[in-house]
Amino acid sequence: MYNIELTETQAEIAELLNRVLSGEEVIISNAGTPVARIVPIAEQSLPRIAGLDKGKVVISPDFDAPLPDDILNDFLNPADAE
């Protein structure tokens, strides 16, 4: 993280953006108090469209059946599973 005073940002905006583009977070402070954070914009994913997988998702008939004892015991007693 890089911290810079507000008065210095105007002269160094290009450098600040280069730091952000390289993945660094930049904090802008005013009189020593952080007031803003500049971070890269996260890649935007495509919107999800309901129904695209219709008919492709199959749930096993025993999906909600109790777990076998040996697997269940691993959850109840994780120290014994090792």
PDB file of N, CA and C in Angstrom:
ATOM      1  N   MET A   1       0.847  -1.165   0.000  1.00  0.00           N
ATOM      2  CA  MET A   1       0.000   0.000   0.000  1.00  0.00           C
ATOM      3  C   MET A   1       0.898   1.235   0.000  1.00  0.00           C
ATOM      4  N   TYR A   2       0.490   2.220  -0.752  1.00  0.00           N
ATOM      5  CA  TYR A   2       1.237   3.466  -0.887  1.00  0.00           C
ATOM      6  C   TYR A   2       0.380   4.590  -0.326  1.00  0.00           C
ATOM      7  N   ASN A   3       0.936   5.414   0.534  1.00  0.00           N
ATOM      8  CA  ASN A   3       0.205   6.507   1.166  1.00  0.00           C
ATOM      9  C   ASN A   3       0.765   7.833   0.661  1.00  0.00           C
ATOM     10  N   ILE A   4      -0.119   8.760   0.280  1.00  0.00           N
ATOM     11  CA  ILE A   4       0.320  10.050  -0.247  1.00  0.00           C
ATOM     12  C   ILE A   4      -0.605  11.137   0.278  1.00  0.00           C
ATOM     13  N   GLU A   5      -0.058  12.320   0.509  1.00  0.00           N
ATOM     14  CA  GLU A   5      -0.858  13.464   0.961  1.00  0.00           C
ATOM     15  C   GLU A   5      -1.627  14.057  -0.226  1.00  0.00           C
ATOM     16  N   LEU A   6      -2.787  14.590   0.072  1.00  0.00           N
ATOM     17  CA  LEU A   6      -3.666  15.171  -0.935  1.00  0.00           C
ATOM     18  C   LEU A   6      -2.954  16.246  -1.757  1.00  0.00           C
ATOM     19  N   THR A   7      -2.160  17.069  -1.119  1.00  0.00           N
ATOM     20  CA  THR A   7      -1.480  18.157  -1.828  1.00  0.00           C
ATOM     21  C   THR A   7      -0.485  17.645  -2.861  1.00  0.00           C
ATOM     22  N   GLU A   8      -0.003  16.420  -2.680  1.00  0.00           N
ATOM     23  CA  GLU A   8       0.974  15.849  -3.609  1.00  0.00           C
ATOM     24  C   GLU A   8       0.318  15.128  -4.781  1.00  0.00           C
ATOM     25  N   THR A   9      -0.960  14.807  -4.675  1.00  0.00           N
ATOM     26  CA  THR A   9      -1.598  13.979  -5.710  1.00  0.00           C
ATOM     27  C   THR A   9      -1.735  14.677  -7.044  1.00  0.00           C
ATOM     28  N   GLN A  10      -1.992  15.982  -7.036  1.00  0.00           N
ATOM     29  CA  GLN A  10      -2.199  16.690  -8.293  1.00  0.00           C
ATOM     30  C   GLN A  10      -0.977  16.604  -9.198  1.00  0.00           C
ATOM     31  N   ALA A  11       0.181  16.725  -8.636  1.00  0.00           N
ATOM     32  CA  ALA A  11       1.407  16.689  -9.431  1.00  0.00           C
ATOM     33  C   ALA A  11       1.785  15.266  -9.824  1.00  0.00           C
ATOM     34  N   GLU A  12       1.279  14.261  -9.128  1.00  0.00           N
ATOM     35  CA  GLU A  12       1.727  12.894  -9.354  1.00  0.00           C
ATOM     36  C   GLU A  12       0.627  11.939  -9.799  1.00  0.00           C
ATOM     37  N   ILE A  13      -0.474  12.445 -10.363  1.00  0.00           N
ATOM     38  CA  ILE A  13      -1.602  11.582 -10.702  1.00  0.00           C
ATOM     39  C   ILE A  13      -1.217  10.475 -11.681  1.00  0.00           C
ATOM     40  N   ALA A  14      -0.383  10.754 -12.665  1.00  0.00           N
ATOM     41  CA  ALA A  14       0.021   9.729 -13.629  1.00  0.00           C
ATOM     42  C   ALA A  14       0.781   8.608 -12.928  1.00  0.00           C
ATOM     43  N   GLU A  15       1.679   8.959 -12.018  1.00  0.00           N
ATOM     44  CA  GLU A  15       2.440   7.950 -11.273  1.00  0.00           C
ATOM     45  C   GLU A  15       1.523   7.133 -10.372  1.00  0.00           C
ATOM     46  N   LEU A  16       0.545   7.804  -9.764  1.00  0.00           N
ATOM     47  CA  LEU A  16      -0.404   7.090  -8.896  1.00  0.00           C
ATOM     48  C   LEU A  16      -1.195   6.069  -9.704  1.00  0.00           C
ATOM     49  N   LEU A  17      -1.647   6.470 -10.874  1.00  0.00           N
ATOM     50  CA  LEU A  17      -2.404   5.545 -11.722  1.00  0.00           C
ATOM     51  C   LEU A  17      -1.530   4.381 -12.184  1.00  0.00           C
ATOM     52  N   ASN A  18      -0.268   4.641 -12.466  1.00  0.00           N
ATOM     53  CA  ASN A  18       0.638   3.549 -12.826  1.00  0.00           C
ATOM     54  C   ASN A  18       0.782   2.563 -11.682  1.00  0.00           C
ATOM     55  N   ARG A  19       0.860   3.055 -10.456  1.00  0.00           N
ATOM     56  CA  ARG A  19       0.954   2.169  -9.296  1.00  0.00           C
ATOM     57  C   ARG A  19      -0.310   1.316  -9.170  1.00  0.00           C
ATOM     58  N   VAL A  20      -1.466   1.954  -9.355  1.00  0.00           N
ATOM     59  CA  VAL A  20      -2.735   1.234  -9.264  1.00  0.00           C
ATOM     60  C   VAL A  20      -2.827   0.173 -10.356  1.00  0.00           C
ATOM     61  N   LEU A  21      -2.437   0.537 -11.566  1.00  0.00           N
ATOM     62  CA  LEU A  21      -2.501  -0.421 -12.675  1.00  0.00           C
ATOM     63  C   LEU A  21      -1.564  -1.592 -12.473  1.00  0.00           C
ATOM     64  N   SER A  22      -0.511  -1.402 -11.691  1.00  0.00           N
ATOM     65  CA  SER A  22       0.407  -2.507 -11.422  1.00  0.00           C
ATOM     66  C   SER A  22      -0.074  -3.346 -10.241  1.00  0.00           C
ATOM     67  N   GLY A  23      -1.253  -2.998  -9.701  1.00  0.00           N
ATOM     68  CA  GLY A  23      -1.841  -3.815  -8.642  1.00  0.00           C
ATOM     69  C   GLY A  23      -1.705  -3.248  -7.247  1.00  0.00           C
ATOM     70  N   GLU A  24      -1.062  -2.110  -7.109  1.00  0.00           N
ATOM     71  CA  GLU A  24      -0.863  -1.525  -5.785  1.00  0.00           C
ATOM     72  C   GLU A  24      -2.084  -0.700  -5.371  1.00  0.00           C
ATOM     73  N   GLU A  25      -2.358  -0.676  -4.088  1.00  0.00           N
ATOM     74  CA  GLU A  25      -3.423   0.152  -3.536  1.00  0.00           C
ATOM     75  C   GLU A  25      -2.805   1.478  -3.104  1.00  0.00           C
ATOM     76  N   VAL A  26      -3.463   2.597  -3.437  1.00  0.00           N
ATOM     77  CA  VAL A  26      -2.957   3.918  -3.079  1.00  0.00           C
ATOM     78  C   VAL A  26      -3.950   4.567  -2.118  1.00  0.00           C
ATOM     79  N   ILE A  27      -3.448   5.027  -0.984  1.00  0.00           N
ATOM     80  CA  ILE A  27      -4.263   5.731   0.000  1.00  0.00           C
ATOM     81  C   ILE A  27      -3.934   7.223  -0.088  1.00  0.00           C
ATOM     82  N   ILE A  28      -4.967   8.062  -0.202  1.00  0.00           N
ATOM     83  CA  ILE A  28      -4.775   9.507  -0.218  1.00  0.00           C
ATOM     84  C   ILE A  28      -5.168  10.038   1.161  1.00  0.00           C
ATOM     85  N   SER A  29      -4.260  10.809   1.758  1.00  0.00           N
ATOM     86  CA  SER A  29      -4.492  11.356   3.095  1.00  0.00           C
ATOM     87  C   SER A  29      -4.580  12.867   3.030  1.00  0.00           C
ATOM     88  N   ASN A  30      -5.301  13.434   3.975  1.00  0.00           N
ATOM     89  CA  ASN A  30      -5.386  14.876   4.120  1.00  0.00           C
ATOM     90  C   ASN A  30      -4.939  15.202   5.541  1.00  0.00           C
ATOM     91  N   ALA A  31      -3.815  15.876   5.659  1.00  0.00           N
ATOM     92  CA  ALA A  31      -3.215  16.210   6.955  1.00  0.00           C
ATOM     93  C   ALA A  31      -2.983  14.953   7.791  1.00  0.00           C
ATOM     94  N   GLY A  32      -2.552  13.886   7.135  1.00  0.00           N
ATOM     95  CA  GLY A  32      -2.220  12.649   7.837  1.00  0.00           C
ATOM     96  C   GLY A  32      -3.385  11.714   8.066  1.00  0.00           C
ATOM     97  N   THR A  33      -4.600  12.134   7.742  1.00  0.00           N
ATOM     98  CA  THR A  33      -5.782  11.294   7.923  1.00  0.00           C
ATOM     99  C   THR A  33      -6.185  10.697   6.579  1.00  0.00           C
ATOM    100  N   PRO A  34      -6.225   9.357   6.460  1.00  0.00           N
ATOM    101  CA  PRO A  34      -6.639   8.734   5.197  1.00  0.00           C
ATOM    102  C   PRO A  34      -8.067   9.136   4.838  1.00  0.00           C
ATOM    103  N   VAL A  35      -8.259   9.567   3.585  1.00  0.00           N
ATOM    104  CA  VAL A  35      -9.586  10.000   3.148  1.00  0.00           C
ATOM    105  C   VAL A  35     -10.097   9.246   1.920  1.00  0.00           C
ATOM    106  N   ALA A  36      -9.194   8.605   1.177  1.00  0.00           N
ATOM    107  CA  ALA A  36      -9.627   7.909  -0.036  1.00  0.00           C
ATOM    108  C   ALA A  36      -8.659   6.786  -0.350  1.00  0.00           C
ATOM    109  N   ARG A  37      -9.160   5.815  -1.104  1.00  0.00           N
ATOM    110  CA  ARG A  37      -8.335   4.685  -1.535  1.00  0.00           C
ATOM    111  C   ARG A  37      -8.541   4.508  -3.027  1.00  0.00           C
ATOM    112  N   ILE A  38      -7.457   4.388  -3.761  1.00  0.00           N
ATOM    113  CA  ILE A  38      -7.532   4.139  -5.201  1.00  0.00           C
ATOM    114  C   ILE A  38      -7.108   2.691  -5.420  1.00  0.00           C
ATOM    115  N   VAL A  39      -7.978   1.915  -6.023  1.00  0.00           N
ATOM    116  CA  VAL A  39      -7.699   0.505  -6.314  1.00  0.00           C
ATOM    117  C   VAL A  39      -8.091   0.222  -7.755  1.00  0.00           C
ATOM    118  N   PRO A  40      -7.510  -0.813  -8.361  1.00  0.00           N
ATOM    119  CA  PRO A  40      -7.910  -1.152  -9.728  1.00  0.00           C
ATOM    120  C   PRO A  40      -9.372  -1.584  -9.770  1.00  0.00           C
ATOM    121  N   ILE A  41     -10.032  -1.277 -10.849  1.00  0.00           N
ATOM    122  CA  ILE A  41     -11.404  -1.747 -11.034  1.00  0.00           C
ATOM    123  C   ILE A  41     -11.347  -3.236 -11.318  1.00  0.00           C
ATOM    124  N   ALA A  42     -12.136  -3.993 -10.574  1.00  0.00           N
ATOM    125  CA  ALA A  42     -12.173  -5.443 -10.769  1.00  0.00           C
ATOM    126  C   ALA A  42     -12.773  -5.739 -12.140  1.00  0.00           C
ATOM    127  N   GLU A  43     -12.280  -6.806 -12.725  1.00  0.00           N
ATOM    128  CA  GLU A  43     -12.840  -7.196 -14.022  1.00  0.00           C
ATOM    129  C   GLU A  43     -14.320  -7.497 -13.855  1.00  0.00           C
ATOM    130  N   GLN A  44     -15.104  -6.953 -14.745  1.00  0.00           N
ATOM    131  CA  GLN A  44     -16.538  -7.163 -14.660  1.00  0.00           C
ATOM    132  C   GLN A  44     -16.895  -8.459 -15.365  1.00  0.00           C
ATOM    133  N   SER A  45     -17.641  -9.279 -14.675  1.00  0.00           N
ATOM    134  CA  SER A  45     -18.050 -10.542 -15.278  1.00  0.00           C
ATOM    135  C   SER A  45     -19.367 -10.326 -16.022  1.00  0.00           C
ATOM    136  N   LEU A  46     -19.638 -11.217 -16.927  1.00  0.00           N
ATOM    137  CA  LEU A  46     -20.888 -11.142 -17.672  1.00  0.00           C
ATOM    138  C   LEU A  46     -22.044 -11.438 -16.736  1.00  0.00           C
ATOM    139  N   PRO A  47     -23.184 -10.814 -16.977  1.00  0.00           N
ATOM    140  CA  PRO A  47     -24.327 -11.089 -16.107  1.00  0.00           C
ATOM    141  C   PRO A  47     -24.779 -12.540 -16.257  1.00  0.00           C
ATOM    142  N   ARG A  48     -25.213 -13.110 -15.150  1.00  0.00           N
ATOM    143  CA  ARG A  48     -25.701 -14.490 -15.184  1.00  0.00           C
ATOM    144  C   ARG A  48     -27.107 -14.503 -15.769  1.00  0.00           C
ATOM    145  N   ILE A  49     -27.360 -15.453 -16.626  1.00  0.00           N
ATOM    146  CA  ILE A  49     -28.666 -15.571 -17.258  1.00  0.00           C
ATOM    147  C   ILE A  49     -29.326 -16.834 -16.724  1.00  0.00           C
ATOM    148  N   ALA A  50     -30.459 -16.646 -16.074  1.00  0.00           N
ATOM    149  CA  ALA A  50     -31.172 -17.768 -15.471  1.00  0.00           C
ATOM    150  C   ALA A  50     -31.642 -18.746 -16.549  1.00  0.00           C
ATOM    151  N   GLY A  51     -31.524 -20.030 -16.265  1.00  0.00           N
ATOM    152  CA  GLY A  51     -32.057 -21.060 -17.142  1.00  0.00           C
ATOM    153  C   GLY A  51     -31.090 -21.605 -18.172  1.00  0.00           C
ATOM    154  N   LEU A  52     -29.852 -21.114 -18.236  1.00  0.00           N
ATOM    155  CA  LEU A  52     -28.909 -21.599 -19.239  1.00  0.00           C
ATOM    156  C   LEU A  52     -28.573 -23.077 -19.051  1.00  0.00           C
ATOM    157  N   ASP A  53     -28.595 -23.546 -17.816  1.00  0.00           N
ATOM    158  CA  ASP A  53     -28.250 -24.943 -17.549  1.00  0.00           C
ATOM    159  C   ASP A  53     -29.486 -25.822 -17.364  1.00  0.00           C
ATOM    160  N   LYS A  54     -30.621 -25.345 -17.790  1.00  0.00           N
ATOM    161  CA  LYS A  54     -31.856 -26.101 -17.611  1.00  0.00           C
ATOM    162  C   LYS A  54     -31.735 -27.470 -18.285  1.00  0.00           C
ATOM    163  N   GLY A  55     -32.012 -28.509 -17.511  1.00  0.00           N
ATOM    164  CA  GLY A  55     -31.935 -29.867 -18.026  1.00  0.00           C
ATOM    165  C   GLY A  55     -30.544 -30.469 -17.955  1.00  0.00           C
ATOM    166  N   LYS A  56     -29.516 -29.694 -17.624  1.00  0.00           N
ATOM    167  CA  LYS A  56     -28.146 -30.191 -17.572  1.00  0.00           C
ATOM    168  C   LYS A  56     -27.715 -30.551 -16.150  1.00  0.00           C
ATOM    169  N   VAL A  57     -28.399 -30.002 -15.168  1.00  0.00           N
ATOM    170  CA  VAL A  57     -28.031 -30.262 -13.776  1.00  0.00           C
ATOM    171  C   VAL A  57     -28.821 -31.465 -13.286  1.00  0.00           C
ATOM    172  N   VAL A  58     -28.084 -32.457 -12.800  1.00  0.00           N
ATOM    173  CA  VAL A  58     -28.737 -33.672 -12.316  1.00  0.00           C
ATOM    174  C   VAL A  58     -28.384 -33.853 -10.847  1.00  0.00           C
ATOM    175  N   ILE A  59     -29.399 -34.048 -10.019  1.00  0.00           N
ATOM    176  CA  ILE A  59     -29.183 -34.292  -8.602  1.00  0.00           C
ATOM    177  C   ILE A  59     -29.486 -35.761  -8.338  1.00  0.00           C
ATOM    178  N   SER A  60     -28.528 -36.433  -7.745  1.00  0.00           N
ATOM    179  CA  SER A  60     -28.672 -37.851  -7.443  1.00  0.00           C
ATOM    180  C   SER A  60     -29.868 -38.076  -6.521  1.00  0.00           C
ATOM    181  N   PRO A  61     -30.594 -39.166  -6.711  1.00  0.00           N
ATOM    182  CA  PRO A  61     -31.763 -39.437  -5.859  1.00  0.00           C
ATOM    183  C   PRO A  61     -31.390 -39.576  -4.373  1.00  0.00           C
ATOM    184  N   ASP A  62     -30.143 -39.993  -4.079  1.00  0.00           N
ATOM    185  CA  ASP A  62     -29.740 -40.153  -2.682  1.00  0.00           C
ATOM    186  C   ASP A  62     -28.958 -38.943  -2.165  1.00  0.00           C
ATOM    187  N   PHE A  63     -29.165 -37.791  -2.789  1.00  0.00           N
ATOM    188  CA  PHE A  63     -28.433 -36.574  -2.428  1.00  0.00           C
ATOM    189  C   PHE A  63     -28.504 -36.264  -0.935  1.00  0.00           C
ATOM    190  N   ASP A  64     -29.698 -36.381  -0.364  1.00  0.00           N
ATOM    191  CA  ASP A  64     -29.856 -36.021   1.044  1.00  0.00           C
ATOM    192  C   ASP A  64     -29.890 -37.230   1.974  1.00  0.00           C
ATOM    193  N   ALA A  65     -29.405 -38.364   1.490  1.00  0.00           N
ATOM    194  CA  ALA A  65     -29.342 -39.560   2.330  1.00  0.00           C
ATOM    195  C   ALA A  65     -28.242 -39.388   3.379  1.00  0.00           C
ATOM    196  N   PRO A  66     -28.359 -40.049   4.513  1.00  0.00           N
ATOM    197  CA  PRO A  66     -27.314 -39.944   5.538  1.00  0.00           C
ATOM    198  C   PRO A  66     -25.961 -40.410   5.002  1.00  0.00           C
ATOM    199  N   LEU A  67     -24.899 -39.805   5.505  1.00  0.00           N
ATOM    200  CA  LEU A  67     -23.551 -40.193   5.100  1.00  0.00           C
ATOM    201  C   LEU A  67     -23.195 -41.550   5.695  1.00  0.00           C
ATOM    202  N   PRO A  68     -22.343 -42.314   5.001  1.00  0.00           N
ATOM    203  CA  PRO A  68     -21.857 -43.562   5.586  1.00  0.00           C
ATOM    204  C   PRO A  68     -21.116 -43.257   6.897  1.00  0.00           C
ATOM    205  N   ASP A  69     -21.139 -44.216   7.820  1.00  0.00           N
ATOM    206  CA  ASP A  69     -20.545 -43.998   9.148  1.00  0.00           C
ATOM    207  C   ASP A  69     -19.082 -43.584   9.089  1.00  0.00           C
ATOM    208  N   ASP A  70     -18.289 -44.185   8.190  1.00  0.00           N
ATOM    209  CA  ASP A  70     -16.866 -43.848   8.163  1.00  0.00           C
ATOM    210  C   ASP A  70     -16.642 -42.387   7.752  1.00  0.00           C
ATOM    211  N   ILE A  71     -17.433 -41.865   6.842  1.00  0.00           N
ATOM    212  CA  ILE A  71     -17.300 -40.463   6.439  1.00  0.00           C
ATOM    213  C   ILE A  71     -17.867 -39.553   7.521  1.00  0.00           C
ATOM    214  N   LEU A  72     -18.993 -39.903   8.077  1.00  0.00           N
ATOM    215  CA  LEU A  72     -19.603 -39.115   9.132  1.00  0.00           C
ATOM    216  C   LEU A  72     -18.672 -38.985  10.330  1.00  0.00           C
ATOM    217  N   ASN A  73     -17.994 -40.073  10.683  1.00  0.00           N
ATOM    218  CA  ASN A  73     -17.055 -40.045  11.813  1.00  0.00           C
ATOM    219  C   ASN A  73     -15.896 -39.085  11.565  1.00  0.00           C
ATOM    220  N   ASP A  74     -15.477 -38.949  10.303  1.00  0.00           N
ATOM    221  CA  ASP A  74     -14.399 -37.999   9.977  1.00  0.00           C
ATOM    222  C   ASP A  74     -14.824 -36.565  10.272  1.00  0.00           C
ATOM    223  N   PHE A  75     -16.108 -36.251  10.080  1.00  0.00           N
ATOM    224  CA  PHE A  75     -16.595 -34.927  10.395  1.00  0.00           C
ATOM    225  C   PHE A  75     -16.765 -34.719  11.889  1.00  0.00           C
ATOM    226  N   LEU A  76     -17.247 -35.737  12.563  1.00  0.00           N
ATOM    227  CA  LEU A  76     -17.495 -35.613  13.997  1.00  0.00           C
ATOM    228  C   LEU A  76     -16.229 -35.687  14.827  1.00  0.00           C
ATOM    229  N   ASN A  77     -15.216 -36.431  14.344  1.00  0.00           N
ATOM    230  CA  ASN A  77     -13.958 -36.611  15.058  1.00  0.00           C
ATOM    231  C   ASN A  77     -12.788 -36.384  14.107  1.00  0.00           C
ATOM    232  N   PRO A  78     -12.551 -35.136  13.690  1.00  0.00           N
ATOM    233  CA  PRO A  78     -11.508 -34.878  12.687  1.00  0.00           C
ATOM    234  C   PRO A  78     -10.111 -35.297  13.136  1.00  0.00           C
ATOM    235  N   ALA A  79      -9.845 -35.289  14.417  1.00  0.00           N
ATOM    236  CA  ALA A  79      -8.507 -35.697  14.900  1.00  0.00           C
ATOM    237  C   ALA A  79      -8.269 -37.184  14.624  1.00  0.00           C
ATOM    238  N   ASP A  80      -9.329 -37.980  14.635  1.00  0.00           N
ATOM    239  CA  ASP A  80      -9.197 -39.419  14.382  1.00  0.00           C
ATOM    240  C   ASP A  80      -9.008 -39.724  12.902  1.00  0.00           C
ATOM    241  N   ALA A  81      -9.323 -38.767  12.020  1.00  0.00           N
ATOM    242  CA  ALA A  81      -9.247 -39.012  10.580  1.00  0.00           C
ATOM    243  C   ALA A  81      -7.818 -39.041  10.070  1.00  0.00           C
ATOM    244  N   GLU A  82      -6.893 -38.487  10.817  1.00  0.00           N
ATOM    245  CA  GLU A  82      -5.509 -38.388  10.343  1.00  0.00           C
ATOM    246  C   GLU A  82      -4.784 -39.659  10.440  1.00  0.00           C
TER     247      GLU A  82
END
